[in-house]
Amino acid sequence: HVPGRDGGTIMTADVSVVLPCAYEYEYAARTVRSVSAATPPEILREIVVVDDGSTPPLRIPEPARWKAFVVRLEKTGGLIRARIAGAAAATGAVIVFFDCHVRP
């Protein structure tokens, strides 16, 4: 539960955010930081960054600080395969998909 605008509480679910990324190194790190900063910590379960075959592999600095981890696809599979891999790795009750290169 989190405080509502009217002073009451609203029920919430824990949220997993999935970011499919391919060769978007700095964008991935910035998006992870932004999602973490913009999402109430009590509902953010994790940020799943799916590295869709980037060479060199994507790395997120200080992943634990942002509740993030990387799932790596060895070969580029495309957006849908990356989303499927992220959804499979996600543990939240709700899964939200964002583009890797868009900072909220």
C-alpha atoms as a PDB file:
ATOM      1  CA  HIS A   1       0.000   0.000   0.000  1.00  0.00           C
ATOM      2  CA  VAL A   2       1.128   3.550  -0.723  1.00  0.00           C
ATOM      3  CA  PRO A   3      -0.445   6.898   0.179  1.00  0.00           C
ATOM      4  CA  GLY A   4      -3.109   8.093  -2.241  1.00  0.00           C
ATOM      5  CA  ARG A   5      -3.704  11.701  -3.245  1.00  0.00           C
ATOM      6  CA  ASP A   6      -6.762  11.925  -1.006  1.00  0.00           C
ATOM      7  CA  GLY A   7      -4.838  10.833   2.084  1.00  0.00           C
ATOM      8  CA  GLY A   8      -6.056   7.239   1.948  1.00  0.00           C
ATOM      9  CA  THR A   9      -3.984   4.317   0.789  1.00  0.00           C
ATOM     10  CA  ILE A  10      -4.045   2.493  -2.489  1.00  0.00           C
ATOM     11  CA  MET A  11      -3.142  -1.112  -3.098  1.00  0.00           C
ATOM     12  CA  THR A  12      -0.105  -1.681  -5.240  1.00  0.00           C
ATOM     13  CA  ALA A  13       1.731  -4.569  -6.771  1.00  0.00           C
ATOM     14  CA  ASP A  14       5.427  -5.026  -7.119  1.00  0.00           C
ATOM     15  CA  VAL A  15       6.605  -4.008 -10.574  1.00  0.00           C
ATOM     16  CA  SER A  16       9.292  -5.405 -12.842  1.00  0.00           C
ATOM     17  CA  VAL A  17      10.472  -3.060 -15.589  1.00  0.00           C
ATOM     18  CA  VAL A  18      11.925  -4.742 -18.687  1.00  0.00           C
ATOM     19  CA  LEU A  19      14.290  -2.789 -20.946  1.00  0.00           C
ATOM     20  CA  PRO A  20      15.228  -4.572 -24.194  1.00  0.00           C
ATOM     21  CA  CYS A  21      18.560  -3.079 -25.338  1.00  0.00           C
ATOM     22  CA  ALA A  22      20.962  -3.644 -28.216  1.00  0.00           C
ATOM     23  CA  TYR A  23      24.136  -1.577 -28.462  1.00  0.00           C
ATOM     24  CA  GLU A  24      22.597   1.180 -26.335  1.00  0.00           C
ATOM     25  CA  TYR A  25      25.286   1.385 -23.680  1.00  0.00           C
ATOM     26  CA  GLU A  26      24.948   4.865 -22.164  1.00  0.00           C
ATOM     27  CA  TYR A  27      21.232   5.045 -22.934  1.00  0.00           C
ATOM     28  CA  ALA A  28      20.686   1.820 -20.981  1.00  0.00           C
ATOM     29  CA  ALA A  29      22.494   3.155 -17.922  1.00  0.00           C
ATOM     30  CA  ARG A  30      20.638   6.486 -18.040  1.00  0.00           C
ATOM     31  CA  THR A  31      17.265   4.798 -18.485  1.00  0.00           C
ATOM     32  CA  VAL A  32      17.935   2.449 -15.558  1.00  0.00           C
ATOM     33  CA  ARG A  33      18.815   5.413 -13.317  1.00  0.00           C
ATOM     34  CA  SER A  34      15.748   7.353 -14.456  1.00  0.00           C
ATOM     35  CA  VAL A  35      13.330   4.463 -13.991  1.00  0.00           C
ATOM     36  CA  SER A  36      14.721   3.821 -10.524  1.00  0.00           C
ATOM     37  CA  ALA A  37      14.464   7.491  -9.561  1.00  0.00           C
ATOM     38  CA  ALA A  38      10.940   7.895 -10.971  1.00  0.00           C
ATOM     39  CA  THR A  39       9.432   4.748  -9.456  1.00  0.00           C
ATOM     40  CA  PRO A  40       8.492   4.544  -5.774  1.00  0.00           C
ATOM     41  CA  PRO A  41      10.948   2.114  -4.161  1.00  0.00           C
ATOM     42  CA  GLU A  42       8.171   0.264  -2.378  1.00  0.00           C
ATOM     43  CA  ILE A  43       6.719  -0.910  -5.697  1.00  0.00           C
ATOM     44  CA  LEU A  44       9.850  -1.349  -7.839  1.00  0.00           C
ATOM     45  CA  ARG A  45      10.852  -5.000  -7.617  1.00  0.00           C
ATOM     46  CA  GLU A  46      13.550  -4.898 -10.308  1.00  0.00           C
ATOM     47  CA  ILE A  47      14.734  -3.515 -13.607  1.00  0.00           C
ATOM     48  CA  VAL A  48      15.543  -6.265 -16.101  1.00  0.00           C
ATOM     49  CA  VAL A  49      17.924  -5.055 -18.812  1.00  0.00           C
ATOM     50  CA  VAL A  50      17.925  -7.483 -21.720  1.00  0.00           C
ATOM     51  CA  ASP A  51      21.152  -7.285 -23.697  1.00  0.00           C
ATOM     52  CA  ASP A  52      20.103  -8.356 -27.180  1.00  0.00           C
ATOM     53  CA  GLY A  53      23.502  -9.580 -28.392  1.00  0.00           C
ATOM     54  CA  SER A  54      25.541  -6.379 -27.908  1.00  0.00           C
ATOM     55  CA  THR A  55      29.280  -6.603 -28.542  1.00  0.00           C
ATOM     56  CA  PRO A  56      30.842  -5.895 -26.136  1.00  0.00           C
ATOM     57  CA  PRO A  57      28.126  -6.981 -23.674  1.00  0.00           C
ATOM     58  CA  LEU A  58      26.089  -4.314 -21.906  1.00  0.00           C
ATOM     59  CA  ARG A  59      27.048  -3.540 -18.346  1.00  0.00           C
ATOM     60  CA  ILE A  60      25.071  -1.445 -15.882  1.00  0.00           C
ATOM     61  CA  PRO A  61      27.250   0.369 -13.317  1.00  0.00           C
ATOM     62  CA  GLU A  62      26.199  -0.361  -9.711  1.00  0.00           C
ATOM     63  CA  PRO A  63      23.257  -2.608 -10.657  1.00  0.00           C
ATOM     64  CA  ALA A  64      22.231  -3.362  -7.056  1.00  0.00           C
ATOM     65  CA  ARG A  65      21.872   0.365  -6.353  1.00  0.00           C
ATOM     66  CA  TRP A  66      19.184   0.567  -9.056  1.00  0.00           C
ATOM     67  CA  LYS A  67      17.615  -2.886  -8.412  1.00  0.00           C
ATOM     68  CA  ALA A  68      18.792  -3.860 -11.890  1.00  0.00           C
ATOM     69  CA  PHE A  69      20.290  -6.913 -13.512  1.00  0.00           C
ATOM     70  CA  VAL A  70      21.222  -7.891 -17.059  1.00  0.00           C
ATOM     71  CA  VAL A  71      19.899 -10.872 -19.003  1.00  0.00           C
ATOM     72  CA  ARG A  72      22.134 -11.558 -21.988  1.00  0.00           C
ATOM     73  CA  LEU A  73      21.080 -13.028 -25.319  1.00  0.00           C
ATOM     74  CA  GLU A  74      24.262 -14.252 -27.009  1.00  0.00           C
ATOM     75  CA  LYS A  75      22.869 -13.608 -30.509  1.00  0.00           C
ATOM     76  CA  THR A  76      20.639 -10.723 -31.531  1.00  0.00           C
ATOM     77  CA  GLY A  77      17.061 -11.972 -31.482  1.00  0.00           C
ATOM     78  CA  GLY A  78      15.125  -8.749 -31.982  1.00  0.00           C
ATOM     79  CA  LEU A  79      12.707  -6.776 -29.861  1.00  0.00           C
ATOM     80  CA  ILE A  80      10.073  -9.448 -29.306  1.00  0.00           C
ATOM     81  CA  ARG A  81      12.575 -12.150 -28.300  1.00  0.00           C
ATOM     82  CA  ALA A  82      14.267  -9.685 -25.950  1.00  0.00           C
ATOM     83  CA  ARG A  83      10.912  -8.817 -24.351  1.00  0.00           C
ATOM     84  CA  ILE A  84      10.080 -12.505 -23.948  1.00  0.00           C
ATOM     85  CA  ALA A  85      13.457 -13.151 -22.291  1.00  0.00           C
ATOM     86  CA  GLY A  86      12.927 -10.184 -19.967  1.00  0.00           C
ATOM     87  CA  ALA A  87       9.429 -11.306 -19.039  1.00  0.00           C
ATOM     88  CA  ALA A  88      10.737 -14.805 -18.299  1.00  0.00           C
ATOM     89  CA  ALA A  89      13.377 -13.377 -15.947  1.00  0.00           C
ATOM     90  CA  ALA A  90      11.040 -10.892 -14.237  1.00  0.00           C
ATOM     91  CA  THR A  91       9.641 -11.765 -10.812  1.00  0.00           C
ATOM     92  CA  GLY A  92       7.225  -8.882 -10.207  1.00  0.00           C
ATOM     93  CA  ALA A  93       3.448  -9.248 -10.167  1.00  0.00           C
ATOM     94  CA  VAL A  94       3.255  -6.580 -12.887  1.00  0.00           C
ATOM     95  CA  ILE A  95       5.645  -6.339 -15.843  1.00  0.00           C
ATOM     96  CA  VAL A  96       6.137  -3.033 -17.670  1.00  0.00           C
ATOM     97  CA  PHE A  97       8.116  -2.744 -20.904  1.00  0.00           C
ATOM     98  CA  PHE A  98      10.028   0.431 -21.815  1.00  0.00           C
ATOM     99  CA  ASP A  99      12.322   1.173 -24.718  1.00  0.00           C
ATOM    100  CA  CYS A 100      15.946   1.197 -23.658  1.00  0.00           C
ATOM    101  CA  HIS A 101      16.752   4.518 -25.260  1.00  0.00           C
ATOM    102  CA  VAL A 102      13.880   6.502 -23.760  1.00  0.00           C
ATOM    103  CA  ARG A 103      14.406   8.147 -20.434  1.00  0.00           C
ATOM    104  CA  PRO A 104      11.127   8.584 -18.519  1.00  0.00           C
END
